[in-house]
Amino acid sequence: MVGIAAPLYLLPNHFPLFHPRELPFTWIDSSIPFFPETIWIYLSEYLLIISAYFFTTDPGELRCYLKRMVFMLALSFLFFLFFPTTFPRYLFPLPDSLDLGSRFLFEIQRRADSPLNCFPSLHVGSVLTAAFLVRENQARFVLYFGWAVLICLSTLTTKQHYSWDVAGGAILALAIHKLVPKSGVQARH
């Protein structure tokens, strides 16, 4: 997955073909404060995605998960390539009062990931797709869906994404969930 995801995300993130555009702030974007300590929640995306995979034992479900993720990456790549958007991070400098751990993570995040590739939010799409993966276990699904919602909100509180991006990522995850059905699964007894 990483071998597919890295180039599809990083190439347009660091070498855009077209001039990236800032999107207009909605009232949601304007009313949600910059809360940089939520970078911990934001970066927990990777733990959620990987752990969901390891909690799933159904091979058909795992194949479907990988197909959905690849499809999401491919569609997002087209947006990133042909309709690049950027977020005005310069409006949100890290405050001097920020704790050292959060500052360290935020600085690494900002160095590695340019403010491009905003729409649709892969953070949102990927965590929702991972939450759908564990839906067979109700308790686990509630936990993962709640965690995914917190990550979605953190894309706004860390000022990494617009609310447009969150909506786009959620719609993309839902559409792909419906378009890429689970197949080749053995019947459960």
N, C-alpha and C. Protein backbone atom coordinates (compact mmCIF):
# COMPACT_ATOMS: atom_id res chain seq x y z
N MET A 1 0.83 -1.20 0.00
CA MET A 1 0.00 0.00 0.00
C MET A 1 0.86 1.25 0.00
N VAL A 2 1.89 1.25 0.85
CA VAL A 2 2.75 2.43 0.94
C VAL A 2 3.43 2.70 -0.39
N GLY A 3 3.83 1.63 -1.09
CA GLY A 3 4.46 1.78 -2.39
C GLY A 3 3.56 2.43 -3.43
N ILE A 4 2.26 2.24 -3.29
CA ILE A 4 1.29 2.87 -4.19
C ILE A 4 0.95 4.27 -3.69
N ALA A 5 0.73 4.39 -2.39
CA ALA A 5 0.28 5.66 -1.81
C ALA A 5 1.32 6.75 -1.89
N ALA A 6 2.55 6.42 -1.59
CA ALA A 6 3.59 7.45 -1.53
C ALA A 6 3.72 8.25 -2.83
N PRO A 7 3.92 7.61 -3.99
CA PRO A 7 4.05 8.41 -5.20
C PRO A 7 2.76 9.14 -5.60
N LEU A 8 1.61 8.47 -5.40
CA LEU A 8 0.35 9.12 -5.79
C LEU A 8 0.06 10.35 -4.94
N TYR A 9 0.55 10.36 -3.72
CA TYR A 9 0.33 11.51 -2.86
C TYR A 9 1.48 12.52 -2.96
N LEU A 10 2.70 12.04 -2.87
CA LEU A 10 3.84 12.95 -2.76
C LEU A 10 4.20 13.67 -4.05
N LEU A 11 4.04 13.03 -5.20
CA LEU A 11 4.39 13.72 -6.45
C LEU A 11 3.59 15.01 -6.65
N PRO A 12 2.25 14.97 -6.64
CA PRO A 12 1.54 16.25 -6.80
C PRO A 12 1.66 17.17 -5.59
N ASN A 13 2.00 16.59 -4.43
CA ASN A 13 2.16 17.40 -3.21
C ASN A 13 3.40 18.27 -3.29
N HIS A 14 4.44 17.78 -3.94
CA HIS A 14 5.68 18.54 -4.02
C HIS A 14 5.98 19.08 -5.42
N PHE A 15 5.33 18.53 -6.44
CA PHE A 15 5.57 18.96 -7.82
C PHE A 15 4.25 19.13 -8.57
N PRO A 16 3.46 20.14 -8.20
CA PRO A 16 2.15 20.31 -8.86
C PRO A 16 2.31 20.69 -10.33
N LEU A 17 1.44 20.13 -11.16
CA LEU A 17 1.44 20.46 -12.58
C LEU A 17 0.79 21.82 -12.85
N PHE A 18 -0.19 22.16 -12.03
CA PHE A 18 -0.93 23.40 -12.22
C PHE A 18 -0.83 24.24 -10.96
N HIS A 19 -1.12 25.51 -11.11
CA HIS A 19 -1.06 26.43 -9.98
C HIS A 19 -2.13 26.06 -8.95
N PRO A 20 -1.73 25.75 -7.71
CA PRO A 20 -2.73 25.40 -6.70
C PRO A 20 -3.55 26.61 -6.27
N ARG A 21 -4.80 26.40 -5.97
CA ARG A 21 -5.73 27.46 -5.57
C ARG A 21 -6.14 27.31 -4.12
N GLU A 22 -6.27 28.43 -3.44
CA GLU A 22 -6.86 28.43 -2.11
C GLU A 22 -8.38 28.42 -2.29
N LEU A 23 -9.06 27.71 -1.42
CA LEU A 23 -10.51 27.67 -1.44
C LEU A 23 -11.04 28.73 -0.47
N PRO A 24 -12.26 29.19 -0.68
CA PRO A 24 -12.82 30.15 0.28
C PRO A 24 -13.12 29.48 1.61
N PHE A 25 -12.87 30.20 2.69
CA PHE A 25 -13.22 29.70 4.02
C PHE A 25 -14.74 29.74 4.17
N THR A 26 -15.29 28.68 4.73
CA THR A 26 -16.71 28.68 5.06
C THR A 26 -16.85 29.20 6.49
N TRP A 27 -18.07 29.36 6.95
CA TRP A 27 -18.28 29.79 8.34
C TRP A 27 -17.74 28.74 9.31
N ILE A 28 -17.72 27.48 8.88
CA ILE A 28 -17.16 26.41 9.72
C ILE A 28 -15.66 26.63 9.89
N ASP A 29 -14.98 26.88 8.77
CA ASP A 29 -13.53 27.10 8.82
C ASP A 29 -13.17 28.30 9.69
N SER A 30 -13.97 29.34 9.59
CA SER A 30 -13.71 30.56 10.35
C SER A 30 -14.02 30.41 11.83
N SER A 31 -14.99 29.56 12.17
CA SER A 31 -15.40 29.45 13.57
C SER A 31 -14.60 28.40 14.36
N ILE A 32 -13.93 27.48 13.67
CA ILE A 32 -13.13 26.47 14.38
C ILE A 32 -11.74 27.04 14.64
N PRO A 33 -11.35 27.08 15.92
CA PRO A 33 -10.03 27.68 16.24
C PRO A 33 -8.87 26.75 15.87
N PHE A 34 -7.71 27.37 15.72
CA PHE A 34 -6.47 26.63 15.52
C PHE A 34 -6.07 26.06 16.88
N PHE A 35 -6.04 24.74 16.96
CA PHE A 35 -5.71 24.05 18.21
C PHE A 35 -4.58 23.08 17.88
N PRO A 36 -3.34 23.57 17.83
CA PRO A 36 -2.23 22.75 17.32
C PRO A 36 -1.94 21.49 18.12
N GLU A 37 -2.37 21.42 19.37
CA GLU A 37 -2.14 20.20 20.16
C GLU A 37 -2.87 18.99 19.58
N THR A 38 -3.85 19.23 18.74
CA THR A 38 -4.59 18.12 18.14
C THR A 38 -3.81 17.44 17.01
N ILE A 39 -2.56 17.85 16.81
CA ILE A 39 -1.71 17.17 15.84
C ILE A 39 -1.54 15.69 16.20
N TRP A 40 -1.61 15.38 17.50
CA TRP A 40 -1.51 13.99 17.94
C TRP A 40 -2.68 13.16 17.41
N ILE A 41 -3.87 13.74 17.44
CA ILE A 41 -5.05 13.06 16.90
C ILE A 41 -4.93 12.96 15.39
N TYR A 42 -4.53 14.05 14.76
CA TYR A 42 -4.38 14.10 13.31
C TYR A 42 -3.44 12.99 12.82
N LEU A 43 -2.31 12.85 13.47
CA LEU A 43 -1.32 11.86 13.03
C LEU A 43 -1.66 10.43 13.46
N SER A 44 -2.66 10.27 14.32
CA SER A 44 -3.08 8.92 14.70
C SER A 44 -3.79 8.21 13.55
N GLU A 45 -4.00 8.90 12.45
CA GLU A 45 -4.59 8.30 11.25
C GLU A 45 -3.87 7.01 10.88
N TYR A 46 -2.55 7.04 10.92
CA TYR A 46 -1.77 5.88 10.49
C TYR A 46 -1.99 4.69 11.40
N LEU A 47 -2.07 4.92 12.69
CA LEU A 47 -2.34 3.85 13.65
C LEU A 47 -3.74 3.26 13.42
N LEU A 48 -4.72 4.12 13.16
CA LEU A 48 -6.08 3.64 12.91
C LEU A 48 -6.12 2.76 11.66
N ILE A 49 -5.52 3.22 10.57
CA ILE A 49 -5.55 2.48 9.30
C ILE A 49 -4.87 1.12 9.44
N ILE A 50 -3.71 1.10 10.07
CA ILE A 50 -2.95 -0.14 10.20
C ILE A 50 -3.63 -1.10 11.19
N SER A 51 -4.09 -0.59 12.31
CA SER A 51 -4.71 -1.48 13.29
C SER A 51 -6.02 -2.07 12.77
N ALA A 52 -6.79 -1.31 12.01
CA ALA A 52 -8.03 -1.85 11.42
C ALA A 52 -7.71 -3.04 10.52
N TYR A 53 -6.65 -2.91 9.77
CA TYR A 53 -6.22 -4.00 8.90
C TYR A 53 -5.89 -5.26 9.72
N PHE A 54 -5.15 -5.10 10.81
CA PHE A 54 -4.74 -6.24 11.60
C PHE A 54 -5.87 -6.83 12.44
N PHE A 55 -6.91 -6.07 12.70
CA PHE A 55 -8.06 -6.60 13.44
C PHE A 55 -9.02 -7.38 12.55
N THR A 56 -8.80 -7.34 11.25
CA THR A 56 -9.70 -8.01 10.31
C THR A 56 -9.07 -9.31 9.85
N THR A 57 -9.80 -10.40 10.03
CA THR A 57 -9.27 -11.72 9.68
C THR A 57 -9.89 -12.29 8.41
N ASP A 58 -10.94 -11.69 7.91
CA ASP A 58 -11.61 -12.16 6.70
C ASP A 58 -10.80 -11.76 5.47
N PRO A 59 -10.21 -12.71 4.74
CA PRO A 59 -9.38 -12.38 3.58
C PRO A 59 -10.13 -11.58 2.50
N GLY A 60 -11.40 -11.90 2.29
CA GLY A 60 -12.19 -11.16 1.30
C GLY A 60 -12.37 -9.71 1.72
N GLU A 61 -12.58 -9.48 3.00
CA GLU A 61 -12.74 -8.14 3.52
C GLU A 61 -11.43 -7.35 3.38
N LEU A 62 -10.32 -8.01 3.63
CA LEU A 62 -9.01 -7.35 3.50
C LEU A 62 -8.72 -6.97 2.05
N ARG A 63 -9.03 -7.88 1.12
CA ARG A 63 -8.85 -7.56 -0.31
C ARG A 63 -9.71 -6.37 -0.70
N CYS A 64 -10.93 -6.37 -0.22
CA CYS A 64 -11.85 -5.26 -0.51
C CYS A 64 -11.30 -3.95 0.06
N TYR A 65 -10.79 -4.00 1.28
CA TYR A 65 -10.20 -2.82 1.92
C TYR A 65 -9.06 -2.25 1.08
N LEU A 66 -8.18 -3.13 0.62
CA LEU A 66 -7.06 -2.67 -0.20
C LEU A 66 -7.55 -2.09 -1.52
N LYS A 67 -8.54 -2.73 -2.14
CA LYS A 67 -9.10 -2.20 -3.39
C LYS A 67 -9.71 -0.81 -3.17
N ARG A 68 -10.45 -0.67 -2.08
CA ARG A 68 -11.07 0.63 -1.78
C ARG A 68 -10.02 1.71 -1.56
N MET A 69 -8.97 1.36 -0.83
CA MET A 69 -7.92 2.34 -0.57
C MET A 69 -7.20 2.74 -1.87
N VAL A 70 -6.90 1.76 -2.72
CA VAL A 70 -6.23 2.06 -3.99
C VAL A 70 -7.14 2.92 -4.87
N PHE A 71 -8.42 2.59 -4.94
CA PHE A 71 -9.37 3.35 -5.72
C PHE A 71 -9.46 4.79 -5.20
N MET A 72 -9.50 4.94 -3.87
CA MET A 72 -9.55 6.27 -3.28
C MET A 72 -8.29 7.08 -3.61
N LEU A 73 -7.15 6.43 -3.51
CA LEU A 73 -5.89 7.10 -3.85
C LEU A 73 -5.88 7.53 -5.31
N ALA A 74 -6.32 6.65 -6.19
CA ALA A 74 -6.32 6.96 -7.63
C ALA A 74 -7.24 8.14 -7.94
N LEU A 75 -8.44 8.13 -7.39
CA LEU A 75 -9.36 9.25 -7.64
C LEU A 75 -8.84 10.55 -7.03
N SER A 76 -8.31 10.46 -5.83
CA SER A 76 -7.75 11.65 -5.18
C SER A 76 -6.57 12.18 -5.98
N PHE A 77 -5.74 11.28 -6.48
CA PHE A 77 -4.58 11.67 -7.29
C PHE A 77 -5.02 12.52 -8.48
N LEU A 78 -6.13 12.15 -9.11
CA LEU A 78 -6.62 12.94 -10.25
C LEU A 78 -6.99 14.36 -9.82
N PHE A 79 -7.65 14.49 -8.66
CA PHE A 79 -7.95 15.82 -8.14
C PHE A 79 -6.66 16.57 -7.82
N PHE A 80 -5.73 15.91 -7.13
CA PHE A 80 -4.49 16.56 -6.74
C PHE A 80 -3.70 17.02 -7.96
N LEU A 81 -3.75 16.22 -9.01
CA LEU A 81 -2.99 16.52 -10.22
C LEU A 81 -3.62 17.64 -11.05
N PHE A 82 -4.93 17.53 -11.31
CA PHE A 82 -5.57 18.45 -12.23
C PHE A 82 -6.31 19.61 -11.58
N PHE A 83 -6.66 19.50 -10.32
CA PHE A 83 -7.36 20.57 -9.60
C PHE A 83 -6.70 20.81 -8.24
N PRO A 84 -5.41 21.16 -8.25
CA PRO A 84 -4.70 21.27 -6.97
C PRO A 84 -5.22 22.42 -6.11
N THR A 85 -5.38 22.12 -4.83
CA THR A 85 -5.79 23.14 -3.86
C THR A 85 -4.71 23.23 -2.79
N THR A 86 -4.66 24.38 -2.15
CA THR A 86 -3.68 24.61 -1.10
C THR A 86 -4.35 25.30 0.08
N PHE A 87 -3.82 25.06 1.25
CA PHE A 87 -4.36 25.67 2.46
C PHE A 87 -3.41 26.77 2.92
N PRO A 88 -3.94 27.92 3.35
CA PRO A 88 -3.07 29.03 3.78
C PRO A 88 -2.49 28.83 5.19
N ARG A 89 -1.58 27.89 5.31
CA ARG A 89 -0.97 27.61 6.61
C ARG A 89 -0.25 28.83 7.20
N TYR A 90 0.22 29.69 6.32
CA TYR A 90 0.93 30.88 6.78
C TYR A 90 0.06 31.74 7.69
N LEU A 91 -1.24 31.58 7.63
CA LEU A 91 -2.14 32.33 8.51
C LEU A 91 -2.16 31.75 9.92
N PHE A 92 -1.56 30.57 10.10
CA PHE A 92 -1.64 29.86 11.37
C PHE A 92 -0.24 29.43 11.85
N PRO A 93 0.58 30.39 12.25
CA PRO A 93 1.90 30.02 12.78
C PRO A 93 1.76 29.30 14.12
N LEU A 94 2.72 28.46 14.41
CA LEU A 94 2.69 27.73 15.68
C LEU A 94 2.95 28.72 16.82
N PRO A 95 2.13 28.69 17.85
CA PRO A 95 2.31 29.63 18.97
C PRO A 95 3.55 29.27 19.80
N ASP A 96 4.18 30.27 20.38
CA ASP A 96 5.36 30.05 21.23
C ASP A 96 5.03 29.17 22.43
N SER A 97 3.79 29.20 22.87
CA SER A 97 3.38 28.43 24.06
C SER A 97 3.15 26.94 23.78
N LEU A 98 3.27 26.53 22.54
CA LEU A 98 3.01 25.13 22.18
C LEU A 98 4.04 24.21 22.83
N ASP A 99 3.57 23.10 23.42
CA ASP A 99 4.48 22.16 24.08
C ASP A 99 5.46 21.56 23.07
N LEU A 100 6.62 21.12 23.56
CA LEU A 100 7.70 20.66 22.68
C LEU A 100 7.31 19.45 21.84
N GLY A 101 6.58 18.50 22.42
CA GLY A 101 6.17 17.31 21.66
C GLY A 101 5.26 17.66 20.49
N SER A 102 4.27 18.49 20.75
CA SER A 102 3.34 18.90 19.68
C SER A 102 4.07 19.73 18.64
N ARG A 103 4.95 20.62 19.07
CA ARG A 103 5.73 21.45 18.14
C ARG A 103 6.59 20.56 17.24
N PHE A 104 7.26 19.57 17.84
CA PHE A 104 8.10 18.66 17.08
C PHE A 104 7.29 17.93 16.00
N LEU A 105 6.15 17.35 16.39
CA LEU A 105 5.31 16.63 15.42
C LEU A 105 4.78 17.56 14.34
N PHE A 106 4.37 18.75 14.74
CA PHE A 106 3.81 19.70 13.77
C PHE A 106 4.87 20.14 12.77
N GLU A 107 6.07 20.40 13.26
CA GLU A 107 7.13 20.84 12.35
C GLU A 107 7.52 19.74 11.37
N ILE A 108 7.56 18.50 11.85
CA ILE A 108 7.83 17.37 10.95
C ILE A 108 6.71 17.27 9.90
N GLN A 109 5.47 17.38 10.35
CA GLN A 109 4.32 17.30 9.45
C GLN A 109 4.40 18.38 8.38
N ARG A 110 4.67 19.59 8.79
CA ARG A 110 4.71 20.70 7.83
C ARG A 110 5.90 20.62 6.88
N ARG A 111 6.99 20.05 7.33
CA ARG A 111 8.16 19.90 6.44
C ARG A 111 7.93 18.80 5.40
N ALA A 112 7.37 17.69 5.84
CA ALA A 112 7.19 16.54 4.96
C ALA A 112 6.01 16.71 4.00
N ASP A 113 5.00 17.41 4.44
CA ASP A 113 3.74 17.51 3.69
C ASP A 113 3.46 18.97 3.38
N SER A 114 3.57 19.33 2.11
CA SER A 114 3.28 20.71 1.73
C SER A 114 1.79 21.00 1.95
N PRO A 115 1.38 22.26 1.90
CA PRO A 115 -0.04 22.57 2.13
C PRO A 115 -0.95 22.24 0.94
N LEU A 116 -0.44 21.48 -0.03
CA LEU A 116 -1.25 21.08 -1.18
C LEU A 116 -1.99 19.77 -0.89
N ASN A 117 -2.67 19.26 -1.92
CA ASN A 117 -3.43 18.01 -1.82
C ASN A 117 -4.52 18.10 -0.75
N CYS A 118 -5.23 19.21 -0.77
CA CYS A 118 -6.28 19.41 0.23
C CYS A 118 -7.57 18.69 -0.12
N PHE A 119 -8.03 18.87 -1.36
CA PHE A 119 -9.34 18.34 -1.74
C PHE A 119 -9.20 17.17 -2.69
N PRO A 120 -9.84 16.06 -2.36
CA PRO A 120 -10.55 15.70 -1.14
C PRO A 120 -9.55 15.27 -0.07
N SER A 121 -9.95 15.34 1.17
CA SER A 121 -9.05 14.98 2.26
C SER A 121 -8.86 13.46 2.32
N LEU A 122 -7.63 13.03 2.06
CA LEU A 122 -7.32 11.60 2.20
C LEU A 122 -7.33 11.19 3.66
N HIS A 123 -7.04 12.12 4.56
CA HIS A 123 -7.13 11.80 5.98
C HIS A 123 -8.55 11.34 6.31
N VAL A 124 -9.51 12.10 5.84
CA VAL A 124 -10.91 11.78 6.11
C VAL A 124 -11.32 10.50 5.39
N GLY A 125 -11.06 10.43 4.10
CA GLY A 125 -11.46 9.26 3.33
C GLY A 125 -10.85 7.97 3.85
N SER A 126 -9.58 8.01 4.19
CA SER A 126 -8.91 6.77 4.61
C SER A 126 -9.36 6.31 6.00
N VAL A 127 -9.58 7.24 6.94
CA VAL A 127 -10.00 6.79 8.27
C VAL A 127 -11.44 6.29 8.27
N LEU A 128 -12.28 6.88 7.45
CA LEU A 128 -13.65 6.38 7.35
C LEU A 128 -13.68 5.01 6.68
N THR A 129 -12.85 4.82 5.66
CA THR A 129 -12.75 3.52 5.01
C THR A 129 -12.26 2.46 5.99
N ALA A 130 -11.30 2.83 6.83
CA ALA A 130 -10.80 1.89 7.85
C ALA A 130 -11.88 1.58 8.88
N ALA A 131 -12.66 2.58 9.27
CA ALA A 131 -13.75 2.35 10.23
C ALA A 131 -14.79 1.39 9.63
N PHE A 132 -15.10 1.56 8.34
CA PHE A 132 -16.06 0.66 7.70
C PHE A 132 -15.53 -0.77 7.67
N LEU A 133 -14.22 -0.94 7.63
CA LEU A 133 -13.62 -2.26 7.59
C LEU A 133 -13.97 -3.08 8.83
N VAL A 134 -14.05 -2.45 9.98
CA VAL A 134 -14.30 -3.18 11.23
C VAL A 134 -15.77 -3.17 11.63
N ARG A 135 -16.66 -2.87 10.70
CA ARG A 135 -18.09 -2.71 11.01
C ARG A 135 -18.76 -3.99 11.48
N GLU A 136 -18.17 -5.17 11.20
CA GLU A 136 -18.78 -6.43 11.62
C GLU A 136 -18.79 -6.58 13.13
N ASN A 137 -17.84 -5.98 13.81
CA ASN A 137 -17.76 -6.02 15.27
C ASN A 137 -18.29 -4.68 15.78
N GLN A 138 -19.50 -4.69 16.32
CA GLN A 138 -20.17 -3.43 16.67
C GLN A 138 -19.38 -2.58 17.66
N ALA A 139 -18.83 -3.19 18.69
CA ALA A 139 -18.06 -2.42 19.68
C ALA A 139 -16.83 -1.80 19.03
N ARG A 140 -16.14 -2.59 18.22
CA ARG A 140 -14.94 -2.08 17.53
C ARG A 140 -15.32 -0.98 16.54
N PHE A 141 -16.44 -1.16 15.84
CA PHE A 141 -16.88 -0.15 14.88
C PHE A 141 -17.18 1.18 15.59
N VAL A 142 -17.87 1.12 16.71
CA VAL A 142 -18.18 2.35 17.46
C VAL A 142 -16.88 3.05 17.86
N LEU A 143 -15.92 2.28 18.35
CA LEU A 143 -14.62 2.85 18.74
C LEU A 143 -13.91 3.46 17.54
N TYR A 144 -13.83 2.72 16.45
CA TYR A 144 -13.11 3.19 15.27
C TYR A 144 -13.83 4.35 14.59
N PHE A 145 -15.14 4.30 14.55
CA PHE A 145 -15.87 5.40 13.92
C PHE A 145 -15.70 6.68 14.75
N GLY A 146 -15.78 6.56 16.08
CA GLY A 146 -15.55 7.72 16.94
C GLY A 146 -14.15 8.29 16.77
N TRP A 147 -13.16 7.39 16.69
CA TRP A 147 -11.77 7.79 16.47
C TRP A 147 -11.64 8.48 15.12
N ALA A 148 -12.29 7.93 14.09
CA ALA A 148 -12.25 8.53 12.75
C ALA A 148 -12.87 9.92 12.76
N VAL A 149 -13.97 10.09 13.47
CA VAL A 149 -14.61 11.42 13.55
C VAL A 149 -13.67 12.42 14.21
N LEU A 150 -12.97 12.00 15.27
CA LEU A 150 -12.00 12.89 15.92
C LEU A 150 -10.88 13.28 14.95
N ILE A 151 -10.42 12.33 14.17
CA ILE A 151 -9.38 12.63 13.18
C ILE A 151 -9.92 13.60 12.14
N CYS A 152 -11.14 13.37 11.69
CA CYS A 152 -11.76 14.29 10.71
C CYS A 152 -11.81 15.71 11.28
N LEU A 153 -12.23 15.84 12.53
CA LEU A 153 -12.28 17.16 13.17
C LEU A 153 -10.88 17.75 13.32
N SER A 154 -9.89 16.90 13.59
CA SER A 154 -8.53 17.41 13.76
C SER A 154 -7.95 17.99 12.47
N THR A 155 -8.47 17.57 11.32
CA THR A 155 -8.00 18.17 10.07
C THR A 155 -8.36 19.65 10.02
N LEU A 156 -9.42 20.02 10.75
CA LEU A 156 -9.84 21.42 10.81
C LEU A 156 -9.14 22.16 11.95
N THR A 157 -8.97 21.51 13.09
CA THR A 157 -8.36 22.19 14.24
C THR A 157 -6.85 22.36 14.07
N THR A 158 -6.23 21.53 13.23
CA THR A 158 -4.81 21.70 12.94
C THR A 158 -4.59 22.61 11.74
N LYS A 159 -5.70 23.03 11.14
CA LYS A 159 -5.67 23.92 9.97
C LYS A 159 -4.85 23.31 8.83
N GLN A 160 -5.09 22.02 8.60
CA GLN A 160 -4.49 21.31 7.48
C GLN A 160 -5.47 21.23 6.30
N HIS A 161 -6.77 21.38 6.60
CA HIS A 161 -7.80 21.22 5.58
C HIS A 161 -8.93 22.21 5.78
N TYR A 162 -9.64 22.44 4.68
CA TYR A 162 -10.89 23.21 4.69
C TYR A 162 -12.05 22.25 5.00
N SER A 163 -13.18 22.81 5.39
CA SER A 163 -14.37 21.97 5.59
C SER A 163 -14.80 21.35 4.25
N TRP A 164 -14.52 22.03 3.14
CA TRP A 164 -14.82 21.45 1.81
C TRP A 164 -14.08 20.12 1.65
N ASP A 165 -12.84 20.08 2.11
CA ASP A 165 -12.01 18.87 1.98
C ASP A 165 -12.57 17.71 2.80
N VAL A 166 -13.04 18.05 4.00
CA VAL A 166 -13.62 17.04 4.88
C VAL A 166 -14.86 16.44 4.22
N ALA A 167 -15.73 17.31 3.70
CA ALA A 167 -16.93 16.83 3.02
C ALA A 167 -16.56 15.98 1.80
N GLY A 168 -15.58 16.43 1.03
CA GLY A 168 -15.14 15.68 -0.15
C GLY A 168 -14.58 14.32 0.21
N GLY A 169 -13.77 14.26 1.27
CA GLY A 169 -13.20 12.98 1.71
C GLY A 169 -14.27 12.03 2.21
N ALA A 170 -15.26 12.56 2.93
CA ALA A 170 -16.34 11.71 3.45
C ALA A 170 -17.21 11.18 2.31
N ILE A 171 -17.54 12.05 1.36
CA ILE A 171 -18.35 11.62 0.21
C ILE A 171 -17.59 10.57 -0.60
N LEU A 172 -16.30 10.79 -0.79
CA LEU A 172 -15.48 9.83 -1.53
C LEU A 172 -15.46 8.47 -0.82
N ALA A 173 -15.27 8.46 0.49
CA ALA A 173 -15.25 7.20 1.23
C ALA A 173 -16.58 6.48 1.13
N LEU A 174 -17.68 7.20 1.28
CA LEU A 174 -19.01 6.58 1.19
C LEU A 174 -19.27 6.04 -0.22
N ALA A 175 -18.91 6.82 -1.23
CA ALA A 175 -19.14 6.38 -2.61
C ALA A 175 -18.32 5.14 -2.92
N ILE A 176 -17.07 5.13 -2.52
CA ILE A 176 -16.21 3.97 -2.79
C ILE A 176 -16.70 2.76 -2.01
N HIS A 177 -17.19 2.98 -0.80
CA HIS A 177 -17.73 1.87 -0.01
C HIS A 177 -18.89 1.20 -0.77
N LYS A 178 -19.69 2.00 -1.45
CA LYS A 178 -20.82 1.44 -2.21
C LYS A 178 -20.37 0.89 -3.57
N LEU A 179 -19.38 1.54 -4.20
CA LEU A 179 -18.97 1.15 -5.55
C LEU A 179 -18.05 -0.07 -5.58
N VAL A 180 -17.31 -0.29 -4.52
CA VAL A 180 -16.37 -1.43 -4.48
C VAL A 180 -16.92 -2.43 -3.47
N PRO A 181 -17.76 -3.35 -3.94
CA PRO A 181 -18.38 -4.30 -3.00
C PRO A 181 -17.41 -5.36 -2.53
N LYS A 182 -17.71 -5.92 -1.40
CA LYS A 182 -16.95 -7.04 -0.87
C LYS A 182 -17.23 -8.24 -1.77
N SER A 183 -16.16 -8.90 -2.22
CA SER A 183 -16.37 -10.05 -3.10
C SER A 183 -15.42 -11.18 -2.73
N GLY A 184 -15.79 -12.36 -3.13
CA GLY A 184 -14.94 -13.52 -2.92
C GLY A 184 -14.80 -13.91 -1.45
N VAL A 185 -15.84 -13.63 -0.68
CA VAL A 185 -15.77 -13.92 0.74
C VAL A 185 -16.44 -15.26 1.01
N GLN A 186 -15.82 -16.08 1.81
CA GLN A 186 -16.41 -17.35 2.16
C GLN A 186 -17.56 -17.12 3.14
N ALA A 187 -18.56 -17.96 3.05
CA ALA A 187 -19.70 -17.84 3.95
C ALA A 187 -19.26 -18.10 5.37
N ARG A 188 -19.83 -17.36 6.30
CA ARG A 188 -19.50 -17.53 7.72
C ARG A 188 -20.48 -18.52 8.32
N HIS A 189 -19.99 -19.34 9.22
CA HIS A 189 -20.84 -20.35 9.88
C HIS A 189 -21.00 -19.99 11.33
